Amino acid sequence: MKMARTTLLGLALVFALVAAVQAADKEVTVKGTITCAKCDLKLDGYTKCATLIQVEEDGKKVNYFFDAAGDKKEHKNVCQASKKGTVTGTVAEKDGKKTITVTKCVYDK
């Protein structure tokens, strides 16, 4: 009986972990202003350029920083002049900073 409970508990933990990983890998689409953290927004602590999309959520401005590949690909388009657009990708958060792994970036016309 004790072995069955332990096995059931182990399976429950595995299912919970799988569900959490799948939720974290969910692709999202955000719409806002794509710009440079250093040149346009002049954010504290940024001595190098960094591409981000700034969106409004619940009345607050939220920054989603592009991953390294997305930054390299898109930065030349927005460094000196921000553009409205839509970004699709997966979001991760570390130390209060949101990063989006960009799979698609479309600028408004």
N, C-alpha and C. Protein backbone atom coordinates (compact mmCIF):
# COMPACT_ATOMS: atom_id res chain seq x y z
N MET A 1 0.81 -1.19 0.00
CA MET A 1 0.00 0.00 0.00
C MET A 1 0.87 1.26 0.00
N LYS A 2 1.91 1.24 0.80
CA LYS A 2 2.82 2.38 0.89
C LYS A 2 3.49 2.61 -0.47
N MET A 3 3.86 1.54 -1.14
CA MET A 3 4.51 1.62 -2.45
C MET A 3 3.55 2.22 -3.48
N ALA A 4 2.28 1.84 -3.42
CA ALA A 4 1.29 2.37 -4.36
C ALA A 4 1.10 3.87 -4.17
N ARG A 5 1.05 4.31 -2.93
CA ARG A 5 0.92 5.74 -2.64
C ARG A 5 2.12 6.52 -3.15
N THR A 6 3.31 5.98 -2.93
CA THR A 6 4.53 6.64 -3.39
C THR A 6 4.55 6.73 -4.91
N THR A 7 4.15 5.66 -5.59
CA THR A 7 4.11 5.65 -7.04
C THR A 7 3.09 6.65 -7.55
N LEU A 8 1.92 6.70 -6.94
CA LEU A 8 0.88 7.65 -7.33
C LEU A 8 1.34 9.09 -7.13
N LEU A 9 1.99 9.35 -6.03
CA LEU A 9 2.51 10.68 -5.76
C LEU A 9 3.56 11.06 -6.79
N GLY A 10 4.43 10.12 -7.13
CA GLY A 10 5.46 10.37 -8.15
C GLY A 10 4.84 10.68 -9.50
N LEU A 11 3.82 9.94 -9.88
CA LEU A 11 3.13 10.20 -11.15
C LEU A 11 2.44 11.56 -11.16
N ALA A 12 1.84 11.91 -10.04
CA ALA A 12 1.18 13.22 -9.94
C ALA A 12 2.19 14.35 -10.11
N LEU A 13 3.36 14.20 -9.52
CA LEU A 13 4.41 15.21 -9.66
C LEU A 13 4.89 15.31 -11.10
N VAL A 14 5.05 14.18 -11.76
CA VAL A 14 5.48 14.18 -13.16
C VAL A 14 4.45 14.90 -14.03
N PHE A 15 3.17 14.60 -13.84
CA PHE A 15 2.12 15.26 -14.62
C PHE A 15 2.09 16.76 -14.35
N ALA A 16 2.28 17.16 -13.12
CA ALA A 16 2.30 18.58 -12.78
C ALA A 16 3.48 19.28 -13.45
N LEU A 17 4.63 18.63 -13.46
CA LEU A 17 5.81 19.20 -14.10
C LEU A 17 5.60 19.34 -15.61
N VAL A 18 5.05 18.33 -16.23
CA VAL A 18 4.78 18.38 -17.67
C VAL A 18 3.80 19.50 -17.99
N ALA A 19 2.77 19.67 -17.20
CA ALA A 19 1.79 20.73 -17.42
C ALA A 19 2.45 22.10 -17.27
N ALA A 20 3.33 22.26 -16.30
CA ALA A 20 4.01 23.54 -16.09
C ALA A 20 4.93 23.86 -17.25
N VAL A 21 5.65 22.88 -17.75
CA VAL A 21 6.56 23.10 -18.89
C VAL A 21 5.77 23.46 -20.14
N GLN A 22 4.66 22.79 -20.38
CA GLN A 22 3.85 23.11 -21.55
C GLN A 22 3.28 24.52 -21.44
N ALA A 23 2.87 24.94 -20.27
CA ALA A 23 2.35 26.29 -20.09
C ALA A 23 3.43 27.32 -20.34
N ALA A 24 4.65 27.05 -19.93
CA ALA A 24 5.75 27.99 -20.11
C ALA A 24 6.14 28.12 -21.57
N ASP A 25 5.93 27.08 -22.35
CA ASP A 25 6.31 27.10 -23.76
C ASP A 25 5.19 27.61 -24.67
N LYS A 26 4.15 28.15 -24.11
CA LYS A 26 3.02 28.64 -24.90
C LYS A 26 3.43 29.90 -25.66
N GLU A 27 3.13 29.89 -26.94
CA GLU A 27 3.47 31.04 -27.78
C GLU A 27 2.44 32.15 -27.58
N VAL A 28 2.92 33.38 -27.48
CA VAL A 28 2.05 34.54 -27.28
C VAL A 28 2.31 35.56 -28.39
N THR A 29 1.34 36.44 -28.59
CA THR A 29 1.48 37.54 -29.54
C THR A 29 1.23 38.83 -28.78
N VAL A 30 2.17 39.77 -28.88
CA VAL A 30 2.02 41.06 -28.21
C VAL A 30 2.11 42.17 -29.26
N LYS A 31 1.33 43.23 -29.04
CA LYS A 31 1.29 44.35 -29.98
C LYS A 31 1.66 45.61 -29.22
N GLY A 32 2.57 46.39 -29.81
CA GLY A 32 2.99 47.62 -29.15
C GLY A 32 4.03 48.36 -29.96
N THR A 33 4.97 48.98 -29.26
CA THR A 33 6.03 49.76 -29.89
C THR A 33 7.34 49.01 -29.77
N ILE A 34 7.97 48.73 -30.93
CA ILE A 34 9.26 48.04 -30.97
C ILE A 34 10.33 49.13 -31.02
N THR A 35 11.29 49.05 -30.11
CA THR A 35 12.25 50.14 -29.97
C THR A 35 13.55 49.68 -29.33
N CYS A 36 14.44 50.63 -29.06
CA CYS A 36 15.73 50.36 -28.43
C CYS A 36 15.71 50.86 -26.98
N ALA A 37 16.13 50.00 -26.07
CA ALA A 37 16.14 50.34 -24.65
C ALA A 37 17.10 51.48 -24.35
N LYS A 38 18.23 51.52 -25.03
CA LYS A 38 19.25 52.54 -24.76
C LYS A 38 18.99 53.83 -25.52
N CYS A 39 18.87 53.75 -26.84
CA CYS A 39 18.81 54.95 -27.68
C CYS A 39 17.48 55.69 -27.61
N ASP A 40 16.38 54.95 -27.60
CA ASP A 40 15.07 55.60 -27.61
C ASP A 40 14.52 55.80 -26.20
N LEU A 41 14.46 54.74 -25.42
CA LEU A 41 13.87 54.83 -24.08
C LEU A 41 14.83 55.33 -23.02
N LYS A 42 16.12 55.22 -23.27
CA LYS A 42 17.15 55.65 -22.33
C LYS A 42 16.94 55.02 -20.94
N LEU A 43 16.69 53.72 -20.94
CA LEU A 43 16.46 53.00 -19.69
C LEU A 43 17.75 52.94 -18.87
N ASP A 44 17.62 53.10 -17.57
CA ASP A 44 18.77 53.03 -16.67
C ASP A 44 19.46 51.68 -16.80
N GLY A 45 20.79 51.71 -16.79
CA GLY A 45 21.57 50.49 -16.81
C GLY A 45 21.87 49.95 -18.19
N TYR A 46 21.37 50.59 -19.23
CA TYR A 46 21.63 50.09 -20.59
C TYR A 46 22.67 50.97 -21.27
N THR A 47 23.89 50.44 -21.36
CA THR A 47 24.97 51.14 -22.04
C THR A 47 25.14 50.58 -23.45
N LYS A 48 24.46 49.48 -23.75
CA LYS A 48 24.45 48.88 -25.08
C LYS A 48 23.01 48.84 -25.57
N CYS A 49 22.86 48.86 -26.88
CA CYS A 49 21.53 48.77 -27.47
C CYS A 49 20.87 47.44 -27.12
N ALA A 50 19.56 47.46 -26.98
CA ALA A 50 18.77 46.25 -26.71
C ALA A 50 17.37 46.46 -27.28
N THR A 51 16.94 45.54 -28.13
CA THR A 51 15.63 45.65 -28.75
C THR A 51 14.56 45.12 -27.82
N LEU A 52 13.43 45.81 -27.79
CA LEU A 52 12.30 45.38 -26.96
C LEU A 52 11.00 45.82 -27.61
N ILE A 53 9.93 45.21 -27.17
CA ILE A 53 8.60 45.70 -27.53
C ILE A 53 7.94 46.15 -26.24
N GLN A 54 7.43 47.37 -26.28
CA GLN A 54 6.77 47.95 -25.10
C GLN A 54 5.26 47.89 -25.35
N VAL A 55 4.55 47.22 -24.45
CA VAL A 55 3.11 47.06 -24.58
C VAL A 55 2.42 47.62 -23.35
N GLU A 56 1.14 47.87 -23.47
CA GLU A 56 0.37 48.34 -22.32
C GLU A 56 -0.48 47.18 -21.81
N GLU A 57 -0.29 46.85 -20.55
CA GLU A 57 -1.05 45.79 -19.90
C GLU A 57 -1.62 46.33 -18.60
N ASP A 58 -2.92 46.30 -18.47
CA ASP A 58 -3.60 46.78 -17.27
C ASP A 58 -3.21 48.22 -16.94
N GLY A 59 -3.07 49.06 -17.96
CA GLY A 59 -2.74 50.46 -17.76
C GLY A 59 -1.28 50.76 -17.47
N LYS A 60 -0.42 49.73 -17.53
CA LYS A 60 1.01 49.90 -17.27
C LYS A 60 1.82 49.54 -18.51
N LYS A 61 2.95 50.22 -18.69
CA LYS A 61 3.86 49.87 -19.78
C LYS A 61 4.73 48.70 -19.35
N VAL A 62 4.76 47.66 -20.18
CA VAL A 62 5.53 46.46 -19.90
C VAL A 62 6.50 46.24 -21.05
N ASN A 63 7.77 45.97 -20.72
CA ASN A 63 8.80 45.74 -21.73
C ASN A 63 9.09 44.25 -21.88
N TYR A 64 9.08 43.78 -23.12
CA TYR A 64 9.47 42.42 -23.46
C TYR A 64 10.75 42.53 -24.28
N PHE A 65 11.88 42.18 -23.69
CA PHE A 65 13.16 42.27 -24.37
C PHE A 65 13.31 41.11 -25.34
N PHE A 66 13.82 41.39 -26.54
CA PHE A 66 14.02 40.35 -27.54
C PHE A 66 15.16 39.44 -27.11
N ASP A 67 15.08 38.17 -27.47
CA ASP A 67 16.18 37.24 -27.26
C ASP A 67 17.35 37.67 -28.17
N ALA A 68 18.51 37.07 -28.01
CA ALA A 68 19.71 37.48 -28.75
C ALA A 68 19.51 37.42 -30.27
N ALA A 69 18.91 36.34 -30.76
CA ALA A 69 18.71 36.20 -32.21
C ALA A 69 17.73 37.25 -32.74
N GLY A 70 16.64 37.47 -32.02
CA GLY A 70 15.66 38.48 -32.43
C GLY A 70 16.24 39.88 -32.38
N ASP A 71 17.06 40.15 -31.36
CA ASP A 71 17.71 41.45 -31.23
C ASP A 71 18.63 41.70 -32.42
N LYS A 72 19.43 40.72 -32.75
CA LYS A 72 20.39 40.85 -33.86
C LYS A 72 19.66 41.09 -35.18
N LYS A 73 18.57 40.37 -35.40
CA LYS A 73 17.84 40.45 -36.66
C LYS A 73 17.05 41.76 -36.80
N GLU A 74 16.44 42.24 -35.73
CA GLU A 74 15.50 43.35 -35.82
C GLU A 74 16.04 44.72 -35.38
N HIS A 75 17.16 44.75 -34.69
CA HIS A 75 17.59 46.00 -34.07
C HIS A 75 17.84 47.14 -35.06
N LYS A 76 18.41 46.84 -36.19
CA LYS A 76 18.72 47.90 -37.16
C LYS A 76 17.46 48.63 -37.64
N ASN A 77 16.30 47.97 -37.53
CA ASN A 77 15.05 48.58 -37.96
C ASN A 77 14.47 49.58 -36.97
N VAL A 78 14.93 49.53 -35.70
CA VAL A 78 14.27 50.35 -34.67
C VAL A 78 15.23 51.14 -33.78
N CYS A 79 16.52 51.09 -34.03
CA CYS A 79 17.47 51.72 -33.10
C CYS A 79 17.24 53.22 -32.95
N GLN A 80 17.15 53.92 -34.02
CA GLN A 80 17.01 55.38 -33.93
C GLN A 80 15.56 55.85 -34.03
N ALA A 81 14.66 54.99 -34.46
CA ALA A 81 13.26 55.38 -34.59
C ALA A 81 12.37 54.19 -34.28
N SER A 82 11.55 54.31 -33.26
CA SER A 82 10.67 53.20 -32.87
C SER A 82 9.59 53.00 -33.93
N LYS A 83 9.05 51.77 -33.95
CA LYS A 83 7.99 51.44 -34.89
C LYS A 83 6.92 50.63 -34.16
N LYS A 84 5.68 50.85 -34.54
CA LYS A 84 4.58 50.05 -34.02
C LYS A 84 4.63 48.69 -34.70
N GLY A 85 4.27 47.64 -33.96
CA GLY A 85 4.29 46.32 -34.56
C GLY A 85 3.76 45.24 -33.64
N THR A 86 3.88 44.01 -34.13
CA THR A 86 3.41 42.83 -33.42
C THR A 86 4.52 41.80 -33.38
N VAL A 87 4.72 41.20 -32.21
CA VAL A 87 5.77 40.18 -32.04
C VAL A 87 5.12 38.92 -31.49
N THR A 88 5.50 37.79 -32.08
CA THR A 88 5.03 36.48 -31.62
C THR A 88 6.23 35.69 -31.14
N GLY A 89 6.07 34.97 -30.03
CA GLY A 89 7.15 34.15 -29.49
C GLY A 89 6.80 33.61 -28.12
N THR A 90 7.77 32.96 -27.51
CA THR A 90 7.57 32.44 -26.17
C THR A 90 8.23 33.38 -25.16
N VAL A 91 7.58 33.55 -24.03
CA VAL A 91 8.03 34.51 -23.02
C VAL A 91 8.60 33.78 -21.81
N ALA A 92 9.72 34.29 -21.33
CA ALA A 92 10.32 33.81 -20.09
C ALA A 92 10.55 35.03 -19.20
N GLU A 93 10.51 34.82 -17.90
CA GLU A 93 10.76 35.93 -16.98
C GLU A 93 11.84 35.53 -16.00
N LYS A 94 12.83 36.42 -15.85
CA LYS A 94 13.91 36.17 -14.91
C LYS A 94 14.26 37.48 -14.23
N ASP A 95 14.26 37.48 -12.92
CA ASP A 95 14.56 38.67 -12.12
C ASP A 95 13.68 39.85 -12.51
N GLY A 96 12.41 39.58 -12.80
CA GLY A 96 11.47 40.65 -13.13
C GLY A 96 11.59 41.19 -14.54
N LYS A 97 12.46 40.62 -15.36
CA LYS A 97 12.66 41.07 -16.74
C LYS A 97 12.07 40.03 -17.69
N LYS A 98 11.15 40.47 -18.54
CA LYS A 98 10.52 39.56 -19.50
C LYS A 98 11.33 39.53 -20.79
N THR A 99 11.57 38.32 -21.28
CA THR A 99 12.29 38.13 -22.54
C THR A 99 11.39 37.32 -23.46
N ILE A 100 11.32 37.75 -24.72
CA ILE A 100 10.52 37.02 -25.70
C ILE A 100 11.45 36.42 -26.75
N THR A 101 11.32 35.12 -26.95
CA THR A 101 12.06 34.43 -28.01
C THR A 101 11.24 34.63 -29.28
N VAL A 102 11.72 35.50 -30.13
CA VAL A 102 10.95 35.97 -31.28
C VAL A 102 10.89 34.90 -32.38
N THR A 103 9.65 34.56 -32.76
CA THR A 103 9.45 33.68 -33.90
C THR A 103 8.90 34.45 -35.09
N LYS A 104 8.26 35.61 -34.80
CA LYS A 104 7.71 36.44 -35.88
C LYS A 104 7.65 37.89 -35.40
N CYS A 105 8.08 38.80 -36.28
CA CYS A 105 8.04 40.22 -35.97
C CYS A 105 7.50 40.94 -37.20
N VAL A 106 6.37 41.65 -37.04
CA VAL A 106 5.72 42.34 -38.15
C VAL A 106 5.53 43.81 -37.74
N TYR A 107 5.99 44.71 -38.61
CA TYR A 107 5.83 46.13 -38.36
C TYR A 107 4.56 46.63 -39.03
N ASP A 108 3.85 47.55 -38.35
CA ASP A 108 2.64 48.15 -38.93
C ASP A 108 3.06 49.07 -40.08
N LYS A 109 2.19 49.24 -40.99
CA LYS A 109 2.49 50.11 -42.15
C LYS A 109 2.08 51.53 -41.87
